[in-house]
């Protein structure tokens, strides 16, 4: 899986971003994001690891990953569909 676009997403000023991928055999390096993520396993099985726990995310389930949480994702499913929703904190503008 190519994660090169995530750097651009982190730097972009948008408040919401959706990444959808159909793949198999996913392994990411340990990483974290400045924005929270909602991971949805549309098909297959996704394993999400942090330094404290291992979560098993079956198909049609969601998992919230708070901003700044180091994690990596692993799956050996032959056909894996997962969606990552990146939710950014809105920058407050002072009106006075």
PDB file of N, CA and C in Angstrom:
ATOM      1  N   UNK A   1       0.839  -1.171   0.000  1.00  0.00           N
ATOM      2  CA  UNK A   1       0.000   0.000   0.000  1.00  0.00           C
ATOM      3  C   UNK A   1       0.883   1.233   0.000  1.00  0.00           C
ATOM      4  N   UNK A   2       0.564   2.181  -0.834  1.00  0.00           N
ATOM      5  CA  UNK A   2       1.350   3.403  -0.951  1.00  0.00           C
ATOM      6  C   UNK A   2       0.783   4.461  -0.014  1.00  0.00           C
ATOM      7  N   UNK A   3       1.562   4.869   0.974  1.00  0.00           N
ATOM      8  CA  UNK A   3       1.121   5.862   1.950  1.00  0.00           C
ATOM      9  C   UNK A   3       1.632   7.256   1.639  1.00  0.00           C
ATOM     10  N   UNK A   4       2.212   7.475   0.462  1.00  0.00           N
ATOM     11  CA  UNK A   4       2.832   8.755   0.159  1.00  0.00           C
ATOM     12  C   UNK A   4       1.836   9.911   0.178  1.00  0.00           C
ATOM     13  N   UNK A   5       0.576   9.647  -0.095  1.00  0.00           N
ATOM     14  CA  UNK A   5      -0.425  10.717  -0.112  1.00  0.00           C
ATOM     15  C   UNK A   5      -0.782  11.220   1.290  1.00  0.00           C
ATOM     16  N   UNK A   6      -0.509  10.432   2.336  1.00  0.00           N
ATOM     17  CA  UNK A   6      -0.890  10.842   3.691  1.00  0.00           C
ATOM     18  C   UNK A   6      -0.175  12.116   4.130  1.00  0.00           C
ATOM     19  N   UNK A   7       1.060  12.322   3.696  1.00  0.00           N
ATOM     20  CA  UNK A   7       1.776  13.554   4.046  1.00  0.00           C
ATOM     21  C   UNK A   7       1.040  14.757   3.476  1.00  0.00           C
ATOM     22  N   UNK A   8       0.594  14.639   2.231  1.00  0.00           N
ATOM     23  CA  UNK A   8      -0.167  15.721   1.613  1.00  0.00           C
ATOM     24  C   UNK A   8      -1.486  15.955   2.337  1.00  0.00           C
ATOM     25  N   UNK A   9      -2.135  14.907   2.783  1.00  0.00           N
ATOM     26  CA  UNK A   9      -3.397  15.035   3.514  1.00  0.00           C
ATOM     27  C   UNK A   9      -3.169  15.772   4.822  1.00  0.00           C
ATOM     28  N   UNK A  10      -2.082  15.438   5.524  1.00  0.00           N
ATOM     29  CA  UNK A  10      -1.772  16.101   6.792  1.00  0.00           C
ATOM     30  C   UNK A  10      -1.548  17.598   6.586  1.00  0.00           C
ATOM     31  N   UNK A  11      -0.946  17.970   5.466  1.00  0.00           N
ATOM     32  CA  UNK A  11      -0.630  19.366   5.215  1.00  0.00           C
ATOM     33  C   UNK A  11      -1.793  20.143   4.608  1.00  0.00           C
ATOM     34  N   UNK A  12      -2.754  19.461   4.019  1.00  0.00           N
ATOM     35  CA  UNK A  12      -3.898  20.110   3.377  1.00  0.00           C
ATOM     36  C   UNK A  12      -4.789  20.771   4.421  1.00  0.00           C
ATOM     37  N   UNK A  13      -5.495  21.814   4.033  1.00  0.00           N
ATOM     38  CA  UNK A  13      -6.310  22.581   4.964  1.00  0.00           C
ATOM     39  C   UNK A  13      -7.747  22.050   5.076  1.00  0.00           C
ATOM     40  N   UNK A  14      -8.069  20.963   4.386  1.00  0.00           N
ATOM     41  CA  UNK A  14      -9.424  20.434   4.453  1.00  0.00           C
ATOM     42  C   UNK A  14      -9.695  19.807   5.824  1.00  0.00           C
ATOM     43  N   UNK A  15     -10.964  19.775   6.203  1.00  0.00           N
ATOM     44  CA  UNK A  15     -11.338  19.251   7.519  1.00  0.00           C
ATOM     45  C   UNK A  15     -11.641  17.762   7.500  1.00  0.00           C
ATOM     46  N   UNK A  16     -11.909  17.199   6.323  1.00  0.00           N
ATOM     47  CA  UNK A  16     -12.362  15.818   6.221  1.00  0.00           C
ATOM     48  C   UNK A  16     -11.764  15.197   4.976  1.00  0.00           C
ATOM     49  N   UNK A  17     -11.264  13.979   5.093  1.00  0.00           N
ATOM     50  CA  UNK A  17     -10.652  13.278   3.968  1.00  0.00           C
ATOM     51  C   UNK A  17     -11.023  11.809   4.047  1.00  0.00           C
ATOM     52  N   UNK A  18     -11.362  11.214   2.906  1.00  0.00           N
ATOM     53  CA  UNK A  18     -11.716   9.793   2.858  1.00  0.00           C
ATOM     54  C   UNK A  18     -10.760   9.091   1.893  1.00  0.00           C
ATOM     55  N   UNK A  19     -10.174   7.994   2.366  1.00  0.00           N
ATOM     56  CA  UNK A  19      -9.288   7.175   1.545  1.00  0.00           C
ATOM     57  C   UNK A  19      -9.882   5.780   1.461  1.00  0.00           C
ATOM     58  N   UNK A  20     -10.137   5.301   0.255  1.00  0.00           N
ATOM     59  CA  UNK A  20     -10.771   4.000   0.040  1.00  0.00           C
ATOM     60  C   UNK A  20      -9.826   3.153  -0.807  1.00  0.00           C
ATOM     61  N   UNK A  21      -9.593   1.926  -0.387  1.00  0.00           N
ATOM     62  CA  UNK A  21      -8.674   1.070  -1.134  1.00  0.00           C
ATOM     63  C   UNK A  21      -9.197  -0.370  -1.170  1.00  0.00           C
ATOM     64  N   UNK A  22      -9.029  -0.999  -2.320  1.00  0.00           N
ATOM     65  CA  UNK A  22      -9.310  -2.424  -2.488  1.00  0.00           C
ATOM     66  C   UNK A  22      -7.956  -3.070  -2.739  1.00  0.00           C
ATOM     67  N   UNK A  23      -7.565  -3.946  -1.847  1.00  0.00           N
ATOM     68  CA  UNK A  23      -6.233  -4.538  -1.947  1.00  0.00           C
ATOM     69  C   UNK A  23      -6.214  -5.873  -1.221  1.00  0.00           C
ATOM     70  N   UNK A  24      -5.069  -6.413  -1.029  1.00  0.00           N
ATOM     71  CA  UNK A  24      -4.868  -7.621  -0.242  1.00  0.00           C
ATOM     72  C   UNK A  24      -3.512  -7.533   0.439  1.00  0.00           C
ATOM     73  N   UNK A  25      -3.347  -8.276   1.492  1.00  0.00           N
ATOM     74  CA  UNK A  25      -2.058  -8.340   2.198  1.00  0.00           C
ATOM     75  C   UNK A  25      -1.475  -6.962   2.512  1.00  0.00           C
ATOM     76  N   UNK A  26      -2.090  -6.249   3.421  1.00  0.00           N
ATOM     77  CA  UNK A  26      -1.653  -4.903   3.800  1.00  0.00           C
ATOM     78  C   UNK A  26      -0.766  -4.959   5.034  1.00  0.00           C
ATOM     79  N   UNK A  27       0.357  -4.264   4.989  1.00  0.00           N
ATOM     80  CA  UNK A  27       1.200  -4.049   6.162  1.00  0.00           C
ATOM     81  C   UNK A  27       1.734  -2.629   6.067  1.00  0.00           C
ATOM     82  N   UNK A  28       1.471  -1.815   7.096  1.00  0.00           N
ATOM     83  CA  UNK A  28       2.022  -0.463   7.125  1.00  0.00           C
ATOM     84  C   UNK A  28       3.116  -0.406   8.179  1.00  0.00           C
ATOM     85  N   UNK A  29       3.970   0.559   8.067  1.00  0.00           N
ATOM     86  CA  UNK A  29       4.968   0.818   9.100  1.00  0.00           C
ATOM     87  C   UNK A  29       4.263   1.484  10.277  1.00  0.00           C
ATOM     88  N   UNK A  30       4.879   1.449  11.448  1.00  0.00           N
ATOM     89  CA  UNK A  30       4.303   2.145  12.585  1.00  0.00           C
ATOM     90  C   UNK A  30       4.366   3.646  12.290  1.00  0.00           C
ATOM     91  N   UNK A  31       3.245   4.312  12.538  1.00  0.00           N
ATOM     92  CA  UNK A  31       3.144   5.725  12.217  1.00  0.00           C
ATOM     93  C   UNK A  31       2.047   6.351  13.065  1.00  0.00           C
ATOM     94  N   UNK A  32       1.894   7.655  12.972  1.00  0.00           N
ATOM     95  CA  UNK A  32       0.796   8.339  13.631  1.00  0.00           C
ATOM     96  C   UNK A  32       0.388   9.520  12.767  1.00  0.00           C
ATOM     97  N   UNK A  33      -0.770  10.069  13.061  1.00  0.00           N
ATOM     98  CA  UNK A  33      -1.303  11.186  12.302  1.00  0.00           C
ATOM     99  C   UNK A  33      -1.637  12.327  13.250  1.00  0.00           C
ATOM    100  N   UNK A  34      -1.550  13.539  12.748  1.00  0.00           N
ATOM    101  CA  UNK A  34      -1.916  14.689  13.566  1.00  0.00           C
ATOM    102  C   UNK A  34      -3.428  14.839  13.653  1.00  0.00           C
ATOM    103  N   UNK A  35      -4.153  14.067  12.846  1.00  0.00           N
ATOM    104  CA  UNK A  35      -5.612  14.076  12.856  1.00  0.00           C
ATOM    105  C   UNK A  35      -6.136  12.698  13.265  1.00  0.00           C
ATOM    106  N   UNK A  36      -7.317  12.680  13.842  1.00  0.00           N
ATOM    107  CA  UNK A  36      -7.932  11.400  14.207  1.00  0.00           C
ATOM    108  C   UNK A  36      -8.343  10.648  12.946  1.00  0.00           C
ATOM    109  N   UNK A  37      -8.466   9.326  13.073  1.00  0.00           N
ATOM    110  CA  UNK A  37      -8.900   8.500  11.953  1.00  0.00           C
ATOM    111  C   UNK A  37     -10.004   7.561  12.396  1.00  0.00           C
ATOM    112  N   UNK A  38     -10.929   7.322  11.485  1.00  0.00           N
ATOM    113  CA  UNK A  38     -11.954   6.312  11.664  1.00  0.00           C
ATOM    114  C   UNK A  38     -11.705   5.275  10.578  1.00  0.00           C
ATOM    115  N   UNK A  39     -11.297   4.081  10.975  1.00  0.00           N
ATOM    116  CA  UNK A  39     -10.982   3.017  10.015  1.00  0.00           C
ATOM    117  C   UNK A  39     -12.177   2.093   9.902  1.00  0.00           C
ATOM    118  N   UNK A  40     -12.583   1.791   8.677  1.00  0.00           N
ATOM    119  CA  UNK A  40     -13.720   0.901   8.421  1.00  0.00           C
ATOM    120  C   UNK A  40     -13.253  -0.265   7.560  1.00  0.00           C
ATOM    121  N   UNK A  41     -13.452  -1.479   8.033  1.00  0.00           N
ATOM    122  CA  UNK A  41     -13.120  -2.670   7.250  1.00  0.00           C
ATOM    123  C   UNK A  41     -14.383  -3.103   6.514  1.00  0.00           C
ATOM    124  N   UNK A  42     -14.471  -2.738   5.249  1.00  0.00           N
ATOM    125  CA  UNK A  42     -15.645  -3.074   4.457  1.00  0.00           C
ATOM    126  C   UNK A  42     -15.679  -4.563   4.130  1.00  0.00           C
ATOM    127  N   UNK A  43     -14.500  -5.134   3.971  1.00  0.00           N
ATOM    128  CA  UNK A  43     -14.381  -6.557   3.702  1.00  0.00           C
ATOM    129  C   UNK A  43     -13.050  -7.049   4.232  1.00  0.00           C
ATOM    130  N   UNK A  44     -12.938  -8.333   4.462  1.00  0.00           N
ATOM    131  CA  UNK A  44     -11.695  -8.885   4.987  1.00  0.00           C
ATOM    132  C   UNK A  44     -11.557  -8.630   6.481  1.00  0.00           C
ATOM    133  N   UNK A  45     -10.356  -8.826   6.984  1.00  0.00           N
ATOM    134  CA  UNK A  45     -10.064  -8.646   8.405  1.00  0.00           C
ATOM    135  C   UNK A  45      -8.840  -7.744   8.519  1.00  0.00           C
ATOM    136  N   UNK A  46      -8.936  -6.735   9.366  1.00  0.00           N
ATOM    137  CA  UNK A  46      -7.833  -5.807   9.588  1.00  0.00           C
ATOM    138  C   UNK A  46      -7.374  -5.938  11.037  1.00  0.00           C
ATOM    139  N   UNK A  47      -6.075  -5.999  11.245  1.00  0.00           N
ATOM    140  CA  UNK A  47      -5.495  -5.998  12.580  1.00  0.00           C
ATOM    141  C   UNK A  47      -4.847  -4.632  12.782  1.00  0.00           C
ATOM    142  N   UNK A  48      -5.205  -3.976  13.869  1.00  0.00           N
ATOM    143  CA  UNK A  48      -4.634  -2.677  14.190  1.00  0.00           C
ATOM    144  C   UNK A  48      -3.839  -2.832  15.482  1.00  0.00           C
ATOM    145  N   UNK A  49      -2.574  -2.449  15.425  1.00  0.00           N
ATOM    146  CA  UNK A  49      -1.672  -2.584  16.568  1.00  0.00           C
ATOM    147  C   UNK A  49      -1.253  -1.204  17.062  1.00  0.00           C
ATOM    148  N   UNK A  50      -1.259  -1.033  18.381  1.00  0.00           N
ATOM    149  CA  UNK A  50      -0.655   0.133  19.016  1.00  0.00           C
ATOM    150  C   UNK A  50       0.399  -0.404  19.969  1.00  0.00           C
ATOM    151  N   UNK A  51       1.069   0.483  20.688  1.00  0.00           N
ATOM    152  CA  UNK A  51       2.071  -0.004  21.634  1.00  0.00           C
ATOM    153  C   UNK A  51       1.436  -0.682  22.848  1.00  0.00           C
ATOM    154  N   UNK A  52       0.121  -0.515  23.031  1.00  0.00           N
ATOM    155  CA  UNK A  52      -0.556  -1.101  24.188  1.00  0.00           C
ATOM    156  C   UNK A  52      -1.468  -2.280  23.869  1.00  0.00           C
ATOM    157  N   UNK A  53      -2.028  -2.320  22.653  1.00  0.00           N
ATOM    158  CA  UNK A  53      -3.022  -3.356  22.343  1.00  0.00           C
ATOM    159  C   UNK A  53      -2.974  -3.786  20.891  1.00  0.00           C
ATOM    160  N   UNK A  54      -3.665  -4.884  20.645  1.00  0.00           N
ATOM    161  CA  UNK A  54      -3.895  -5.402  19.301  1.00  0.00           C
ATOM    162  C   UNK A  54      -5.403  -5.538  19.133  1.00  0.00           C
ATOM    163  N   UNK A  55      -5.938  -4.886  18.121  1.00  0.00           N
ATOM    164  CA  UNK A  55      -7.376  -4.982  17.859  1.00  0.00           C
ATOM    165  C   UNK A  55      -7.613  -5.777  16.590  1.00  0.00           C
ATOM    166  N   UNK A  56      -8.637  -6.601  16.622  1.00  0.00           N
ATOM    167  CA  UNK A  56      -9.097  -7.416  15.510  1.00  0.00           C
ATOM    168  C   UNK A  56     -10.329  -6.710  14.952  1.00  0.00           C
ATOM    169  N   UNK A  57     -10.257  -6.231  13.721  1.00  0.00           N
ATOM    170  CA  UNK A  57     -11.344  -5.471  13.113  1.00  0.00           C
ATOM    171  C   UNK A  57     -11.964  -6.289  11.984  1.00  0.00           C
ATOM    172  N   UNK A  58     -13.074  -6.982  12.264  1.00  0.00           N
ATOM    173  CA  UNK A  58     -13.717  -7.791  11.222  1.00  0.00           C
ATOM    174  C   UNK A  58     -14.478  -6.912  10.232  1.00  0.00           C
ATOM    175  N   UNK A  59     -14.894  -7.523   9.134  1.00  0.00           N
ATOM    176  CA  UNK A  59     -15.633  -6.799   8.093  1.00  0.00           C
ATOM    177  C   UNK A  59     -16.861  -6.105   8.666  1.00  0.00           C
ATOM    178  N   UNK A  60     -17.147  -4.942   8.104  1.00  0.00           N
ATOM    179  CA  UNK A  60     -18.301  -4.111   8.454  1.00  0.00           C
ATOM    180  C   UNK A  60     -18.218  -3.557   9.875  1.00  0.00           C
ATOM    181  N   UNK A  61     -17.000  -3.331  10.360  1.00  0.00           N
ATOM    182  CA  UNK A  61     -16.790  -2.737  11.681  1.00  0.00           C
ATOM    183  C   UNK A  61     -15.887  -1.515  11.557  1.00  0.00           C
ATOM    184  N   UNK A  62     -16.024  -0.611  12.523  1.00  0.00           N
ATOM    185  CA  UNK A  62     -15.244   0.616  12.576  1.00  0.00           C
ATOM    186  C   UNK A  62     -14.279   0.591  13.748  1.00  0.00           C
ATOM    187  N   UNK A  63     -13.231   1.417  13.654  1.00  0.00           N
ATOM    188  CA  UNK A  63     -12.330   1.629  14.781  1.00  0.00           C
ATOM    189  C   UNK A  63     -11.861   3.068  14.753  1.00  0.00           C
ATOM    190  N   UNK A  64     -11.939   3.739  15.886  1.00  0.00           N
ATOM    191  CA  UNK A  64     -11.480   5.114  16.038  1.00  0.00           C
ATOM    192  C   UNK A  64     -10.024   5.098  16.502  1.00  0.00           C
ATOM    193  N   UNK A  65      -9.165   5.842  15.807  1.00  0.00           N
ATOM    194  CA  UNK A  65      -7.775   5.981  16.212  1.00  0.00           C
ATOM    195  C   UNK A  65      -7.548   7.462  16.524  1.00  0.00           C
ATOM    196  N   UNK A  66      -7.354   7.792  17.792  1.00  0.00           N
ATOM    197  CA  UNK A  66      -7.163   9.203  18.161  1.00  0.00           C
ATOM    198  C   UNK A  66      -5.909   9.799  17.522  1.00  0.00           C
ATOM    199  N   UNK A  67      -5.927  11.094  17.306  1.00  0.00           N
ATOM    200  CA  UNK A  67      -4.766  11.809  16.770  1.00  0.00           C
ATOM    201  C   UNK A  67      -3.549  11.556  17.655  1.00  0.00           C
ATOM    202  N   UNK A  68      -2.399  11.386  17.028  1.00  0.00           N
ATOM    203  CA  UNK A  68      -1.156  11.207  17.763  1.00  0.00           C
ATOM    204  C   UNK A  68      -0.909   9.814  18.292  1.00  0.00           C
ATOM    205  N   UNK A  69      -1.775   8.847  17.985  1.00  0.00           N
ATOM    206  CA  UNK A  69      -1.615   7.474  18.472  1.00  0.00           C
ATOM    207  C   UNK A  69      -0.742   6.665  17.502  1.00  0.00           C
ATOM    208  N   UNK A  70       0.457   6.263  17.922  1.00  0.00           N
ATOM    209  CA  UNK A  70       1.291   5.420  17.055  1.00  0.00           C
ATOM    210  C   UNK A  70       0.590   4.076  16.804  1.00  0.00           C
ATOM    211  N   UNK A  71       0.537   3.655  15.547  1.00  0.00           N
ATOM    212  CA  UNK A  71      -0.156   2.409  15.200  1.00  0.00           C
ATOM    213  C   UNK A  71       0.374   1.870  13.874  1.00  0.00           C
ATOM    214  N   UNK A  72       0.065   0.608  13.617  1.00  0.00           N
ATOM    215  CA  UNK A  72       0.268   0.059  12.284  1.00  0.00           C
ATOM    216  C   UNK A  72      -0.859  -0.907  11.986  1.00  0.00           C
ATOM    217  N   UNK A  73      -1.083  -1.135  10.697  1.00  0.00           N
ATOM    218  CA  UNK A  73      -2.197  -1.958  10.227  1.00  0.00           C
ATOM    219  C   UNK A  73      -1.618  -3.156   9.487  1.00  0.00           C
ATOM    220  N   UNK A  74      -2.238  -4.312   9.719  1.00  0.00           N
ATOM    221  CA  UNK A  74      -1.774  -5.552   9.105  1.00  0.00           C
ATOM    222  C   UNK A  74      -2.986  -6.387   8.704  1.00  0.00           C
ATOM    223  N   UNK A  75      -2.940  -6.970   7.527  1.00  0.00           N
ATOM    224  CA  UNK A  75      -3.990  -7.891   7.098  1.00  0.00           C
ATOM    225  C   UNK A  75      -3.435  -8.857   6.066  1.00  0.00           C
ATOM    226  N   UNK A  76      -3.818 -10.125   6.187  1.00  0.00           N
ATOM    227  CA  UNK A  76      -3.417 -11.130   5.196  1.00  0.00           C
ATOM    228  C   UNK A  76      -4.604 -11.559   4.337  1.00  0.00           C
ATOM    229  N   UNK A  77      -5.712 -10.851   4.466  1.00  0.00           N
ATOM    230  CA  UNK A  77      -6.889 -11.176   3.651  1.00  0.00           C
ATOM    231  C   UNK A  77      -6.549 -10.993   2.174  1.00  0.00           C
ATOM    232  N   UNK A  78      -6.990 -11.915   1.351  1.00  0.00           N
ATOM    233  CA  UNK A  78      -6.715 -11.841  -0.076  1.00  0.00           C
ATOM    234  C   UNK A  78      -7.460 -10.676  -0.735  1.00  0.00           C
ATOM    235  N   UNK A  79      -8.640 -10.365  -0.232  1.00  0.00           N
ATOM    236  CA  UNK A  79      -9.433  -9.266  -0.783  1.00  0.00           C
ATOM    237  C   UNK A  79      -9.869  -8.390   0.376  1.00  0.00           C
ATOM    238  N   UNK A  80      -9.196  -7.302   0.547  1.00  0.00           N
ATOM    239  CA  UNK A  80      -9.446  -6.408   1.660  1.00  0.00           C
ATOM    240  C   UNK A  80      -9.903  -5.052   1.132  1.00  0.00           C
ATOM    241  N   UNK A  81     -11.013  -4.582   1.654  1.00  0.00           N
ATOM    242  CA  UNK A  81     -11.490  -3.248   1.327  1.00  0.00           C
ATOM    243  C   UNK A  81     -11.546  -2.488   2.631  1.00  0.00           C
ATOM    244  N   UNK A  82     -10.823  -1.380   2.712  1.00  0.00           N
ATOM    245  CA  UNK A  82     -10.965  -0.590   3.913  1.00  0.00           C
ATOM    246  C   UNK A  82     -10.954   0.889   3.576  1.00  0.00           C
ATOM    247  N   UNK A  83     -11.597   1.638   4.435  1.00  0.00           N
ATOM    248  CA  UNK A  83     -11.766   3.067   4.230  1.00  0.00           C
ATOM    249  C   UNK A  83     -11.216   3.777   5.453  1.00  0.00           C
ATOM    250  N   UNK A  84     -10.439   4.816   5.227  1.00  0.00           N
ATOM    251  CA  UNK A  84      -9.914   5.618   6.323  1.00  0.00           C
ATOM    252  C   UNK A  84     -10.524   7.011   6.213  1.00  0.00           C
ATOM    253  N   UNK A  85     -11.201   7.431   7.258  1.00  0.00           N
ATOM    254  CA  UNK A  85     -11.762   8.768   7.335  1.00  0.00           C
ATOM    255  C   UNK A  85     -10.833   9.592   8.213  1.00  0.00           C
ATOM    256  N   UNK A  86     -10.264  10.646   7.677  1.00  0.00           N
ATOM    257  CA  UNK A  86      -9.394  11.517   8.457  1.00  0.00           C
ATOM    258  C   UNK A  86     -10.190  12.755   8.852  1.00  0.00           C
ATOM    259  N   UNK A  87     -10.297  12.981  10.151  1.00  0.00           N
ATOM    260  CA  UNK A  87     -11.078  14.089  10.679  1.00  0.00           C
ATOM    261  C   UNK A  87     -10.138  15.072  11.344  1.00  0.00           C
ATOM    262  N   UNK A  88     -10.102  16.285  10.845  1.00  0.00           N
ATOM    263  CA  UNK A  88      -9.182  17.284  11.372  1.00  0.00           C
ATOM    264  C   UNK A  88      -9.903  18.250  12.288  1.00  0.00           C
ATOM    265  N   UNK A  89      -9.150  18.770  13.242  1.00  0.00           N
ATOM    266  CA  UNK A  89      -9.691  19.794  14.118  1.00  0.00           C
ATOM    267  C   UNK A  89      -9.864  21.069  13.322  1.00  0.00           C
ATOM    268  N   UNK A  90     -11.029  21.667  13.457  1.00  0.00           N
ATOM    269  CA  UNK A  90     -11.284  22.915  12.763  1.00  0.00           C
ATOM    270  C   UNK A  90     -10.558  24.043  13.487  1.00  0.00           C
ATOM    271  N   UNK A  91      -9.888  24.855  12.710  1.00  0.00           N
ATOM    272  CA  UNK A  91      -9.183  25.995  13.295  1.00  0.00           C
ATOM    273  C   UNK A  91     -10.200  27.091  13.571  1.00  0.00           C
ATOM    274  N   UNK A  92     -10.238  27.492  14.816  1.00  0.00           N
ATOM    275  CA  UNK A  92     -11.182  28.529  15.221  1.00  0.00           C
ATOM    276  C   UNK A  92     -10.678  29.906  14.802  1.00  0.00           C
ATOM    277  N   UNK A  93     -11.557  30.700  14.234  1.00  0.00           N
ATOM    278  CA  UNK A  93     -11.222  32.069  13.883  1.00  0.00           C
ATOM    279  C   UNK A  93     -11.884  32.994  14.895  1.00  0.00           C
ATOM    280  N   UNK A  94     -11.130  33.886  15.408  1.00  0.00           N
ATOM    281  CA  UNK A  94     -11.662  34.840  16.368  1.00  0.00           C
ATOM    282  C   UNK A  94     -12.288  35.997  15.605  1.00  0.00           C
ATOM    283  N   UNK A  95     -13.548  36.293  15.905  1.00  0.00           N
ATOM    284  CA  UNK A  95     -14.275  37.324  15.172  1.00  0.00           C
ATOM    285  C   UNK A  95     -14.074  38.716  15.738  1.00  0.00           C
ATOM    286  N   UNK A  96     -13.381  38.838  16.840  1.00  0.00           N
ATOM    287  CA  UNK A  96     -13.181  40.188  17.422  1.00  0.00           C
ATOM    288  C   UNK A  96     -11.739  40.395  17.816  1.00  0.00           C
TER     289      UNK A  96
END
